[in-house]
Amino acid sequence: MFRSNGLPVFKLHGQNSFGGVLKVVGIFRGHDHARGFPNFQGTLATNAGIKHGCQTFHQLWSAKHAG
């Protein structure tokens, strides 16, 4: 976590066993809320089998701690 323009920002990067890459960039809003943009590109295993060339588009997500 680091700060950008005074906001607490995070970046996540992961890779699956097929070489698919997930990158997530977001900000923390308060002590129980985060939002950001995920980006996945590559191969993904699904119930229907292996899917090649998967890609997400610029999609905003938001999460709030419930509990």
N, C-alpha and C. Protein backbone atom coordinates (compact mmCIF):
# COMPACT_ATOMS: atom_id res chain seq x y z
N MET A 1 0.85 -1.17 0.00
CA MET A 1 0.00 0.00 0.00
C MET A 1 0.89 1.24 0.00
N PHE A 2 0.47 2.24 -0.71
CA PHE A 2 1.18 3.52 -0.75
C PHE A 2 0.16 4.62 -0.93
N ARG A 3 0.59 5.85 -0.90
CA ARG A 3 -0.34 6.98 -1.03
C ARG A 3 -0.09 7.69 -2.35
N SER A 4 -1.19 8.05 -3.01
CA SER A 4 -1.14 8.83 -4.23
C SER A 4 -2.18 9.92 -4.11
N ASN A 5 -1.77 11.16 -4.20
CA ASN A 5 -2.66 12.31 -4.01
C ASN A 5 -3.38 12.25 -2.67
N GLY A 6 -2.71 11.72 -1.64
CA GLY A 6 -3.28 11.65 -0.31
C GLY A 6 -4.20 10.46 -0.07
N LEU A 7 -4.46 9.64 -1.09
CA LEU A 7 -5.34 8.48 -0.95
C LEU A 7 -4.52 7.20 -0.79
N PRO A 8 -4.96 6.28 0.09
CA PRO A 8 -4.26 5.00 0.23
C PRO A 8 -4.58 4.10 -0.98
N VAL A 9 -3.57 3.77 -1.75
CA VAL A 9 -3.70 3.03 -3.00
C VAL A 9 -3.07 1.65 -2.85
N PHE A 10 -3.63 0.65 -3.55
CA PHE A 10 -3.00 -0.67 -3.55
C PHE A 10 -2.95 -1.21 -4.98
N LYS A 11 -1.98 -2.10 -5.22
CA LYS A 11 -1.83 -2.79 -6.50
C LYS A 11 -1.58 -4.26 -6.21
N LEU A 12 -2.30 -5.13 -6.91
CA LEU A 12 -2.11 -6.57 -6.78
C LEU A 12 -1.77 -7.13 -8.15
N HIS A 13 -0.91 -8.13 -8.15
CA HIS A 13 -0.52 -8.77 -9.40
C HIS A 13 -0.43 -10.26 -9.15
N GLY A 14 -1.08 -11.06 -9.99
CA GLY A 14 -1.04 -12.51 -9.82
C GLY A 14 -1.05 -13.20 -11.17
N GLN A 15 -0.61 -14.46 -11.15
CA GLN A 15 -0.56 -15.24 -12.38
C GLN A 15 -1.03 -16.65 -12.08
N ASN A 16 -1.88 -17.22 -12.95
CA ASN A 16 -2.32 -18.59 -12.74
C ASN A 16 -1.35 -19.58 -13.41
N SER A 17 -1.59 -20.87 -13.24
CA SER A 17 -0.67 -21.88 -13.76
C SER A 17 -0.68 -21.97 -15.28
N PHE A 18 -1.65 -21.36 -15.94
CA PHE A 18 -1.73 -21.35 -17.40
C PHE A 18 -1.09 -20.10 -18.01
N GLY A 19 -0.57 -19.22 -17.19
CA GLY A 19 0.06 -18.00 -17.67
C GLY A 19 -0.86 -16.79 -17.72
N GLY A 20 -2.11 -16.93 -17.29
CA GLY A 20 -3.03 -15.79 -17.25
C GLY A 20 -2.61 -14.82 -16.16
N VAL A 21 -2.70 -13.53 -16.44
CA VAL A 21 -2.23 -12.50 -15.52
C VAL A 21 -3.40 -11.65 -15.04
N LEU A 22 -3.49 -11.46 -13.73
CA LEU A 22 -4.49 -10.60 -13.11
C LEU A 22 -3.78 -9.43 -12.45
N LYS A 23 -4.22 -8.22 -12.79
CA LYS A 23 -3.70 -7.01 -12.15
C LYS A 23 -4.89 -6.23 -11.61
N VAL A 24 -4.78 -5.80 -10.37
CA VAL A 24 -5.84 -5.03 -9.73
C VAL A 24 -5.23 -3.77 -9.15
N VAL A 25 -5.84 -2.63 -9.43
CA VAL A 25 -5.41 -1.34 -8.89
C VAL A 25 -6.63 -0.73 -8.21
N GLY A 26 -6.46 -0.22 -7.00
CA GLY A 26 -7.60 0.37 -6.32
C GLY A 26 -7.20 1.29 -5.18
N ILE A 27 -8.22 1.82 -4.51
CA ILE A 27 -8.00 2.70 -3.37
C ILE A 27 -8.84 2.20 -2.20
N PHE A 28 -8.37 2.50 -1.00
CA PHE A 28 -9.15 2.25 0.20
C PHE A 28 -9.94 3.51 0.51
N ARG A 29 -11.22 3.34 0.75
CA ARG A 29 -12.08 4.48 1.08
C ARG A 29 -12.61 4.25 2.49
N GLY A 30 -11.99 4.86 3.46
CA GLY A 30 -12.37 4.62 4.85
C GLY A 30 -11.73 3.34 5.36
N HIS A 31 -12.19 2.87 6.51
CA HIS A 31 -11.57 1.69 7.11
C HIS A 31 -12.23 0.39 6.67
N ASP A 32 -13.35 0.42 5.93
CA ASP A 32 -14.03 -0.82 5.57
C ASP A 32 -14.53 -0.86 4.12
N HIS A 33 -13.95 -0.07 3.24
CA HIS A 33 -14.44 0.00 1.87
C HIS A 33 -13.27 0.17 0.91
N ALA A 34 -13.30 -0.58 -0.19
CA ALA A 34 -12.27 -0.45 -1.23
C ALA A 34 -12.94 -0.50 -2.59
N ARG A 35 -12.31 0.11 -3.56
CA ARG A 35 -12.80 0.04 -4.93
C ARG A 35 -11.64 0.16 -5.89
N GLY A 36 -11.84 -0.33 -7.10
CA GLY A 36 -10.75 -0.28 -8.06
C GLY A 36 -11.11 -0.91 -9.39
N PHE A 37 -10.08 -1.27 -10.15
CA PHE A 37 -10.23 -1.80 -11.49
C PHE A 37 -9.42 -3.09 -11.63
N PRO A 38 -10.08 -4.24 -11.91
CA PRO A 38 -9.35 -5.47 -12.20
C PRO A 38 -9.07 -5.59 -13.70
N ASN A 39 -8.02 -6.29 -14.06
CA ASN A 39 -7.69 -6.55 -15.45
C ASN A 39 -7.10 -7.94 -15.54
N PHE A 40 -7.76 -8.86 -16.27
CA PHE A 40 -7.25 -10.21 -16.48
C PHE A 40 -7.06 -10.44 -17.96
N GLN A 41 -5.91 -11.04 -18.29
CA GLN A 41 -5.64 -11.41 -19.68
C GLN A 41 -4.93 -12.75 -19.68
N GLY A 42 -5.38 -13.66 -20.56
CA GLY A 42 -4.69 -14.93 -20.70
C GLY A 42 -5.64 -16.11 -20.71
N THR A 43 -5.13 -17.26 -20.30
CA THR A 43 -5.86 -18.51 -20.30
C THR A 43 -6.48 -18.76 -18.94
N LEU A 44 -7.71 -19.30 -18.95
CA LEU A 44 -8.45 -19.50 -17.72
C LEU A 44 -9.12 -20.87 -17.76
N ALA A 45 -9.05 -21.61 -16.64
CA ALA A 45 -9.73 -22.89 -16.53
C ALA A 45 -11.15 -22.65 -16.02
N THR A 46 -12.15 -23.22 -16.70
CA THR A 46 -13.55 -23.09 -16.31
C THR A 46 -14.15 -24.49 -16.19
N ASN A 47 -15.40 -24.57 -15.76
CA ASN A 47 -16.10 -25.85 -15.69
C ASN A 47 -16.27 -26.47 -17.07
N ALA A 48 -16.30 -25.65 -18.09
CA ALA A 48 -16.47 -26.12 -19.47
C ALA A 48 -15.13 -26.47 -20.13
N GLY A 49 -14.03 -26.28 -19.43
CA GLY A 49 -12.71 -26.58 -19.99
C GLY A 49 -11.80 -25.37 -19.98
N ILE A 50 -10.72 -25.47 -20.70
CA ILE A 50 -9.73 -24.39 -20.78
C ILE A 50 -10.17 -23.37 -21.83
N LYS A 51 -10.17 -22.10 -21.45
CA LYS A 51 -10.53 -21.01 -22.35
C LYS A 51 -9.29 -20.16 -22.59
N HIS A 52 -8.93 -20.02 -23.86
CA HIS A 52 -7.76 -19.23 -24.24
C HIS A 52 -8.19 -17.82 -24.66
N GLY A 53 -7.32 -16.87 -24.47
CA GLY A 53 -7.57 -15.49 -24.92
C GLY A 53 -8.61 -14.75 -24.09
N CYS A 54 -8.77 -15.12 -22.83
CA CYS A 54 -9.73 -14.42 -21.97
C CYS A 54 -9.22 -13.01 -21.65
N GLN A 55 -10.14 -12.09 -21.52
CA GLN A 55 -9.75 -10.71 -21.24
C GLN A 55 -10.92 -9.99 -20.59
N THR A 56 -10.63 -9.24 -19.53
CA THR A 56 -11.65 -8.40 -18.93
C THR A 56 -11.56 -7.01 -19.55
N PHE A 57 -12.62 -6.29 -19.44
CA PHE A 57 -12.63 -4.90 -19.89
C PHE A 57 -12.54 -4.01 -18.66
N HIS A 58 -12.43 -2.73 -18.84
CA HIS A 58 -12.28 -1.78 -17.75
C HIS A 58 -13.54 -1.78 -16.89
N GLN A 59 -13.54 -2.55 -15.82
CA GLN A 59 -14.73 -2.76 -14.99
C GLN A 59 -14.45 -2.28 -13.56
N LEU A 60 -15.24 -1.35 -13.07
CA LEU A 60 -15.09 -0.87 -11.69
C LEU A 60 -15.70 -1.89 -10.74
N TRP A 61 -15.02 -2.17 -9.63
CA TRP A 61 -15.59 -3.01 -8.58
C TRP A 61 -15.52 -2.25 -7.27
N SER A 62 -16.36 -2.65 -6.35
CA SER A 62 -16.41 -2.02 -5.04
C SER A 62 -16.73 -3.09 -4.02
N ALA A 63 -16.10 -3.02 -2.85
CA ALA A 63 -16.34 -3.99 -1.80
C ALA A 63 -16.41 -3.29 -0.45
N LYS A 64 -17.30 -3.76 0.38
CA LYS A 64 -17.43 -3.21 1.72
C LYS A 64 -17.39 -4.35 2.72
N HIS A 65 -16.67 -4.16 3.81
CA HIS A 65 -16.59 -5.18 4.84
C HIS A 65 -17.94 -5.33 5.53
N ALA A 66 -18.42 -6.55 5.59
CA ALA A 66 -19.69 -6.83 6.26
C ALA A 66 -19.41 -7.69 7.48
N GLY A 67 -19.60 -7.17 8.61
CA GLY A 67 -19.35 -8.00 9.77
C GLY A 67 -19.10 -7.19 10.92
